[in-house]
C-alpha atoms as a PDB file:
ATOM      1  CA  MET A   1     266.511 258.322 257.769  1.00  0.00           C
ATOM      2  CA  ASP A   2     265.440 262.241 257.664  1.00  0.00           C
ATOM      3  CA  SER A   3     268.044 262.871 255.319  1.00  0.00           C
ATOM      4  CA  VAL A   4     266.897 260.004 252.981  1.00  0.00           C
ATOM      5  CA  CYS A   5     263.684 261.438 252.942  1.00  0.00           C
ATOM      6  CA  GLN A   6     264.837 264.892 252.228  1.00  0.00           C
ATOM      7  CA  ARG A   7     266.879 263.625 249.333  1.00  0.00           C
ATOM      8  CA  ILE A   8     263.909 262.000 247.850  1.00  0.00           C
ATOM      9  CA  PHE A   9     261.856 264.977 248.384  1.00  0.00           C
ATOM     10  CA  VAL A  10     264.583 267.268 246.615  1.00  0.00           C
ATOM     11  CA  VAL A  11     264.655 264.874 243.635  1.00  0.00           C
ATOM     12  CA  THR A  12     260.843 264.656 243.334  1.00  0.00           C
ATOM     13  CA  GLY A  13     260.525 268.357 243.308  1.00  0.00           C
ATOM     14  CA  GLU A  14     263.168 268.742 240.982  1.00  0.00           C
ATOM     15  CA  ARG A  15     261.367 266.367 238.661  1.00  0.00           C
ATOM     16  CA  VAL A  16     258.435 268.340 238.848  1.00  0.00           C
ATOM     17  CA  LEU A  17     260.020 271.332 238.267  1.00  0.00           C
ATOM     18  CA  ARG A  18     261.224 269.989 234.906  1.00  0.00           C
ATOM     19  CA  ALA A  19     258.080 268.560 234.144  1.00  0.00           C
ATOM     20  CA  ASP A  20     256.584 272.171 234.546  1.00  0.00           C
ATOM     21  CA  ALA A  21     259.640 273.856 232.511  1.00  0.00           C
ATOM     22  CA  ARG A  22     258.745 271.064 229.654  1.00  0.00           C
ATOM     23  CA  ARG A  23     254.877 271.868 229.802  1.00  0.00           C
ATOM     24  CA  ASN A  24     255.750 275.936 229.985  1.00  0.00           C
ATOM     25  CA  ARG A  25     258.091 275.321 226.964  1.00  0.00           C
ATOM     26  CA  ALA A  26     255.675 273.614 224.910  1.00  0.00           C
ATOM     27  CA  ARG A  27     252.956 275.759 225.606  1.00  0.00           C
ATOM     28  CA  VAL A  28     255.067 279.044 224.798  1.00  0.00           C
ATOM     29  CA  LEU A  29     255.913 277.357 221.504  1.00  0.00           C
ATOM     30  CA  GLU A  30     252.231 276.542 220.536  1.00  0.00           C
ATOM     31  CA  VAL A  31     250.823 280.016 221.322  1.00  0.00           C
ATOM     32  CA  ALA A  32     253.833 281.672 219.551  1.00  0.00           C
ATOM     33  CA  GLU A  33     253.294 279.823 216.202  1.00  0.00           C
ATOM     34  CA  SER A  34     249.575 280.492 216.572  1.00  0.00           C
ATOM     35  CA  VAL A  35     250.222 284.176 217.167  1.00  0.00           C
ATOM     36  CA  PHE A  36     252.770 284.828 214.688  1.00  0.00           C
ATOM     37  CA  ALA A  37     251.001 282.984 212.019  1.00  0.00           C
ATOM     38  CA  ALA A  38     247.909 285.339 212.622  1.00  0.00           C
ATOM     39  CA  GLN A  39     249.449 288.385 213.408  1.00  0.00           C
ATOM     40  CA  GLY A  40     253.236 288.227 212.167  1.00  0.00           C
ATOM     41  CA  VAL A  41     256.397 287.988 213.937  1.00  0.00           C
ATOM     42  CA  GLU A  42     256.335 291.706 214.964  1.00  0.00           C
ATOM     43  CA  VAL A  43     254.162 290.912 217.853  1.00  0.00           C
ATOM     44  CA  PRO A  44     255.959 291.678 221.071  1.00  0.00           C
ATOM     45  CA  VAL A  45     257.174 288.723 223.363  1.00  0.00           C
ATOM     46  CA  GLU A  46     254.701 290.097 226.124  1.00  0.00           C
ATOM     47  CA  GLU A  47     251.956 289.459 224.059  1.00  0.00           C
ATOM     48  CA  VAL A  48     252.879 285.881 223.515  1.00  0.00           C
ATOM     49  CA  ALA A  49     253.617 285.581 226.888  1.00  0.00           C
ATOM     50  CA  ARG A  50     250.097 286.933 227.800  1.00  0.00           C
ATOM     51  CA  ALA A  51     248.575 284.683 225.306  1.00  0.00           C
ATOM     52  CA  ALA A  52     250.239 281.771 226.853  1.00  0.00           C
ATOM     53  CA  GLY A  53     249.380 282.506 230.359  1.00  0.00           C
ATOM     54  CA  VAL A  54     252.837 282.761 231.741  1.00  0.00           C
ATOM     55  CA  GLY A  55     255.211 285.353 232.752  1.00  0.00           C
ATOM     56  CA  VAL A  56     257.616 287.038 230.154  1.00  0.00           C
ATOM     57  CA  GLY A  57     260.196 286.106 232.281  1.00  0.00           C
ATOM     58  CA  THR A  58     259.464 282.221 231.457  1.00  0.00           C
ATOM     59  CA  VAL A  59     259.571 283.089 227.700  1.00  0.00           C
ATOM     60  CA  TYR A  60     262.906 284.737 227.839  1.00  0.00           C
ATOM     61  CA  ARG A  61     264.192 281.598 230.395  1.00  0.00           C
ATOM     62  CA  HIS A  62     263.709 279.165 227.416  1.00  0.00           C
ATOM     63  CA  PHE A  63     264.105 281.727 224.487  1.00  0.00           C
ATOM     64  CA  PRO A  64     266.462 284.501 225.069  1.00  0.00           C
ATOM     65  CA  THR A  65     265.638 286.294 221.833  1.00  0.00           C
ATOM     66  CA  LYS A  66     262.637 286.377 219.687  1.00  0.00           C
ATOM     67  CA  LYS A  67     265.169 284.740 217.068  1.00  0.00           C
ATOM     68  CA  ASP A  68     265.520 281.665 219.183  1.00  0.00           C
ATOM     69  CA  LEU A  69     261.603 281.506 219.522  1.00  0.00           C
ATOM     70  CA  VAL A  70     261.239 281.582 215.878  1.00  0.00           C
ATOM     71  CA  GLU A  71     264.152 279.128 215.083  1.00  0.00           C
ATOM     72  CA  ALA A  72     262.562 276.924 217.829  1.00  0.00           C
ATOM     73  CA  ILE A  73     259.097 277.303 216.045  1.00  0.00           C
ATOM     74  CA  VAL A  74     260.591 276.332 212.544  1.00  0.00           C
ATOM     75  CA  ALA A  75     262.099 273.175 214.289  1.00  0.00           C
ATOM     76  CA  GLU A  76     259.213 272.030 215.686  1.00  0.00           C
ATOM     77  CA  ARG A  77     257.162 272.249 212.581  1.00  0.00           C
ATOM     78  CA  MET A  78     260.218 270.435 210.711  1.00  0.00           C
ATOM     79  CA  ARG A  79     260.179 267.664 213.295  1.00  0.00           C
ATOM     80  CA  ARG A  80     256.410 267.333 212.499  1.00  0.00           C
ATOM     81  CA  LEU A  81     256.922 267.178 208.869  1.00  0.00           C
ATOM     82  CA  VAL A  82     259.997 264.620 209.272  1.00  0.00           C
ATOM     83  CA  ASP A  83     257.375 262.444 211.515  1.00  0.00           C
ATOM     84  CA  ARG A  84     254.813 262.677 208.934  1.00  0.00           C
ATOM     85  CA  ALA A  85     257.109 261.761 206.163  1.00  0.00           C
ATOM     86  CA  ARG A  86     258.474 258.717 207.915  1.00  0.00           C
ATOM     87  CA  THR A  87     255.108 257.651 208.682  1.00  0.00           C
ATOM     88  CA  LEU A  88     254.102 257.881 205.081  1.00  0.00           C
ATOM     89  CA  ALA A  89     257.291 256.331 204.014  1.00  0.00           C
ATOM     90  CA  ALA A  90     256.769 253.352 206.437  1.00  0.00           C
ATOM     91  CA  HIS A  91     253.103 252.634 205.438  1.00  0.00           C
ATOM     92  CA  THR A  92     252.835 252.889 201.752  1.00  0.00           C
ATOM     93  CA  ASP A  93     254.515 251.976 198.636  1.00  0.00           C
ATOM     94  CA  SER A  94     252.533 254.010 196.566  1.00  0.00           C
ATOM     95  CA  PRO A  95     254.615 256.337 194.008  1.00  0.00           C
ATOM     96  CA  GLU A  96     252.462 259.387 195.249  1.00  0.00           C
ATOM     97  CA  ALA A  97     254.338 259.182 198.579  1.00  0.00           C
ATOM     98  CA  LEU A  98     257.190 261.185 197.430  1.00  0.00           C
ATOM     99  CA  PHE A  99     255.434 264.039 195.688  1.00  0.00           C
ATOM    100  CA  GLN A 100     253.328 264.378 198.761  1.00  0.00           C
ATOM    101  CA  VAL A 101     256.338 264.886 200.815  1.00  0.00           C
ATOM    102  CA  VAL A 102     257.571 267.234 198.178  1.00  0.00           C
ATOM    103  CA  ASP A 103     254.076 269.256 198.433  1.00  0.00           C
ATOM    104  CA  TRP A 104     254.295 269.434 202.394  1.00  0.00           C
ATOM    105  CA  ILE A 105     257.963 270.790 202.050  1.00  0.00           C
ATOM    106  CA  VAL A 106     257.141 273.353 199.664  1.00  0.00           C
ATOM    107  CA  VAL A 107     254.286 274.589 202.134  1.00  0.00           C
ATOM    108  CA  GLU A 108     256.914 274.781 205.004  1.00  0.00           C
ATOM    109  CA  ALA A 109     258.850 277.118 202.596  1.00  0.00           C
ATOM    110  CA  THR A 110     255.993 279.648 202.631  1.00  0.00           C
ATOM    111  CA  VAL A 111     255.395 279.160 206.385  1.00  0.00           C
ATOM    112  CA  LYS A 112     259.244 280.196 206.761  1.00  0.00           C
ATOM    113  CA  LYS A 113     258.950 283.190 205.119  1.00  0.00           C
ATOM    114  CA  HIS A 114     256.038 284.376 207.056  1.00  0.00           C
ATOM    115  CA  LEU A 115     258.377 283.682 209.906  1.00  0.00           C
ATOM    116  CA  GLN A 116     261.133 285.647 208.379  1.00  0.00           C
ATOM    117  CA  ALA A 117     263.092 282.473 209.004  1.00  0.00           C
ATOM    118  CA  THR A 118     263.997 281.711 205.297  1.00  0.00           C
ATOM    119  CA  ASP A 119     267.559 280.553 204.205  1.00  0.00           C
ATOM    120  CA  THR A 120     269.157 282.827 201.788  1.00  0.00           C
ATOM    121  CA  ALA A 121     270.871 280.158 200.124  1.00  0.00           C
ATOM    122  CA  PRO A 122     271.088 276.127 199.881  1.00  0.00           C
ATOM    123  CA  GLY A 123     274.190 275.919 202.283  1.00  0.00           C
ATOM    124  CA  ALA A 124     273.182 278.822 204.567  1.00  0.00           C
ATOM    125  CA  ASP A 125     274.163 277.655 208.135  1.00  0.00           C
ATOM    126  CA  LYS A 126     271.445 276.527 210.122  1.00  0.00           C
ATOM    127  CA  PRO A 127     271.072 275.646 213.903  1.00  0.00           C
ATOM    128  CA  ALA A 128     272.237 272.240 214.732  1.00  0.00           C
ATOM    129  CA  ALA A 129     268.701 271.080 215.528  1.00  0.00           C
ATOM    130  CA  LEU A 130     267.470 272.137 212.248  1.00  0.00           C
ATOM    131  CA  GLU A 131     270.547 270.517 210.515  1.00  0.00           C
ATOM    132  CA  ALA A 132     269.702 267.299 212.096  1.00  0.00           C
ATOM    133  CA  LEU A 133     265.989 267.540 211.083  1.00  0.00           C
ATOM    134  CA  ALA A 134     267.145 268.554 207.455  1.00  0.00           C
ATOM    135  CA  ALA A 135     269.336 265.217 207.477  1.00  0.00           C
ATOM    136  CA  ASP A 136     266.407 263.081 208.642  1.00  0.00           C
ATOM    137  CA  LEU A 137     264.289 264.588 205.998  1.00  0.00           C
ATOM    138  CA  ARG A 138     266.830 264.053 203.114  1.00  0.00           C
ATOM    139  CA  ALA A 139     267.067 259.905 204.413  1.00  0.00           C
ATOM    140  CA  VAL A 140     263.323 259.695 204.020  1.00  0.00           C
ATOM    141  CA  LEU A 141     263.580 261.489 200.482  1.00  0.00           C
ATOM    142  CA  SER A 142     266.556 259.208 199.487  1.00  0.00           C
ATOM    143  CA  GLN A 143     264.334 256.179 200.475  1.00  0.00           C
ATOM    144  CA  LEU A 144     261.171 257.440 198.807  1.00  0.00           C
ATOM    145  CA  LEU A 145     263.041 258.443 195.401  1.00  0.00           C
ATOM    146  CA  ALA A 146     264.694 255.013 195.598  1.00  0.00           C
ATOM    147  CA  ALA A 147     261.400 253.075 195.830  1.00  0.00           C
ATOM    148  CA  ASP A 148     259.975 255.143 193.139  1.00  0.00           C
ATOM    149  CA  GLN A 149     263.157 254.351 191.024  1.00  0.00           C
ATOM    150  CA  ALA A 150     262.621 250.836 191.609  1.00  0.00           C
ATOM    151  CA  GLY A 151     258.972 250.740 190.616  1.00  0.00           C
ATOM    152  CA  GLY A 152     259.941 252.654 187.423  1.00  0.00           C
ATOM    153  CA  THR A 153     258.021 255.970 188.196  1.00  0.00           C
ATOM    154  CA  VAL A 154     261.224 258.005 188.307  1.00  0.00           C
ATOM    155  CA  ARG A 155     264.046 258.137 186.032  1.00  0.00           C
ATOM    156  CA  ALA A 156     266.855 255.838 187.085  1.00  0.00           C
ATOM    157  CA  ASP A 157     269.613 258.555 186.514  1.00  0.00           C
ATOM    158  CA  ILE A 158     267.899 261.110 188.996  1.00  0.00           C
ATOM    159  CA  GLU A 159     269.947 261.392 192.120  1.00  0.00           C
ATOM    160  CA  LEU A 160     269.128 262.806 195.486  1.00  0.00           C
ATOM    161  CA  PRO A 161     270.869 265.958 194.923  1.00  0.00           C
ATOM    162  CA  ASP A 162     268.967 266.542 191.620  1.00  0.00           C
ATOM    163  CA  LEU A 163     265.672 266.388 193.713  1.00  0.00           C
ATOM    164  CA  LEU A 164     266.974 268.689 196.270  1.00  0.00           C
ATOM    165  CA  MET A 165     267.961 271.403 193.798  1.00  0.00           C
ATOM    166  CA  ALA A 166     264.341 270.917 192.270  1.00  0.00           C
ATOM    167  CA  LEU A 167     263.048 271.225 195.609  1.00  0.00           C
ATOM    168  CA  TYR A 168     265.063 274.674 196.461  1.00  0.00           C
ATOM    169  CA  GLY A 169     263.786 275.857 193.160  1.00  0.00           C
ATOM    170  CA  LEU A 170     260.058 275.141 193.876  1.00  0.00           C
ATOM    171  CA  SER A 171     260.639 276.499 197.548  1.00  0.00           C
ATOM    172  CA  ALA A 172     262.193 279.852 196.430  1.00  0.00           C
ATOM    173  CA  ALA A 173     259.779 280.230 193.879  1.00  0.00           C
ATOM    174  CA  ALA A 174     256.891 279.512 196.600  1.00  0.00           C
ATOM    175  CA  GLU A 175     258.350 282.174 198.830  1.00  0.00           C
ATOM    176  CA  HIS A 176     258.615 284.540 196.087  1.00  0.00           C
ATOM    177  CA  TYR A 177     255.431 284.505 194.819  1.00  0.00           C
ATOM    178  CA  GLY A 178     253.094 283.494 197.524  1.00  0.00           C
ATOM    179  CA  TRP A 179     251.365 280.593 195.772  1.00  0.00           C
ATOM    180  CA  ASP A 180     248.110 279.275 196.298  1.00  0.00           C
ATOM    181  CA  THR A 181     247.436 275.712 196.532  1.00  0.00           C
ATOM    182  CA  ALA A 182     246.545 275.324 192.956  1.00  0.00           C
ATOM    183  CA  ARG A 183     249.596 277.255 191.613  1.00  0.00           C
ATOM    184  CA  ARG A 184     252.050 275.340 193.874  1.00  0.00           C
ATOM    185  CA  HIS A 185     250.309 271.588 192.722  1.00  0.00           C
ATOM    186  CA  ARG A 186     250.927 272.924 188.988  1.00  0.00           C
ATOM    187  CA  ALA A 187     254.304 273.830 189.967  1.00  0.00           C
ATOM    188  CA  ILE A 188     255.213 270.452 191.501  1.00  0.00           C
ATOM    189  CA  THR A 189     253.710 268.799 188.698  1.00  0.00           C
ATOM    190  CA  THR A 190     255.502 270.560 186.169  1.00  0.00           C
ATOM    191  CA  VAL A 191     258.906 269.668 187.960  1.00  0.00           C
ATOM    192  CA  PHE A 192     258.131 266.018 188.275  1.00  0.00           C
ATOM    193  CA  GLU A 193     257.051 265.602 184.873  1.00  0.00           C
ATOM    194  CA  GLY A 194     260.717 265.862 183.988  1.00  0.00           C
ATOM    195  CA  LEU A 195     261.643 263.515 186.721  1.00  0.00           C
ATOM    196  CA  ARG A 196     259.523 260.383 185.144  1.00  0.00           C
ATOM    197  CA  PRO A 197     260.601 258.022 182.397  1.00  0.00           C
ATOM    198  CA  ARG A 198     259.705 259.622 179.174  1.00  0.00           C
ATOM    199  CA  GLU A 199     257.153 256.807 178.188  1.00  0.00           C
ATOM    200  CA  ARG A 200     255.218 257.705 181.438  1.00  0.00           C
ATOM    201  CA  SER A 201     255.487 261.339 181.432  1.00  0.00           C
ATOM    202  CA  GLN A 202     252.781 261.344 178.805  1.00  0.00           C
ATOM    203  CA  ASN A 203     250.140 259.920 181.010  1.00  0.00           C
ATOM    204  CA  SER A 204     248.253 262.523 182.917  1.00  0.00           C
ATOM    205  CA  GLY A 205     247.076 260.318 185.322  1.00  0.00           C
ATOM    206  CA  GLN A 206     250.437 259.229 186.871  1.00  0.00           C
ATOM    207  CA  PRO A 207     251.235 260.332 190.560  1.00  0.00           C
ATOM    208  CA  GLY A 208     252.442 263.697 190.715  1.00  0.00           C
ATOM    209  CA  SER A 209     249.648 265.295 188.510  1.00  0.00           C
ATOM    210  CA  SER A 210     247.649 268.319 190.361  1.00  0.00           C
ATOM    211  CA  ALA A 211     244.921 265.617 191.020  1.00  0.00           C
ATOM    212  CA  CYS A 212     247.015 263.090 192.639  1.00  0.00           C
ATOM    213  CA  ILE A 213     248.525 265.519 195.227  1.00  0.00           C
ATOM    214  CA  GLU A 214     246.679 265.584 198.407  1.00  0.00           C
ATOM    215  CA  ARG A 215     245.152 268.842 199.062  1.00  0.00           C
END
């Protein structure tokens, strides 16, 4: 009986430790994202640990290098983006959805630059977690593109690689020029004018105009 109780105690203790470790990791990520956004990635890891209320060893246990920490922040932000995009795709058939997701993606490009985590080329190697999330995001974009084409708001000859090329161009420009919201929306609107069927592109009230993108 004692040995059974001991095993139960050990297993329970391990579960508590794992739960604590998960909470500590989430806390470090949340605080690091906030600290880096406010002060830049040059902030020492010790400052992140202090702000998170954990020891610096805890930070290094989860993120052996600052690069690992930054990549984890980018992955977490991308996971949230994918979740938002999936939710939007599942709960609306509005042609504005694709334009909204594009806007979110371009915003993330400027954040990645601030975190000094920008890819150098479309084919740049990504950590496995980021690559999986990128695949999920491409699937949502493909779904929204097909829906818009079925609804007649995007040209039938546009393929997903065409949209991804446009996205890369928008993201690179946003990173380079540091666009504000108005300039970003204007650029997205200009690009999507070229994706619409010609008879619709003359109508400024169509989704994708700067007035139609959620601010």
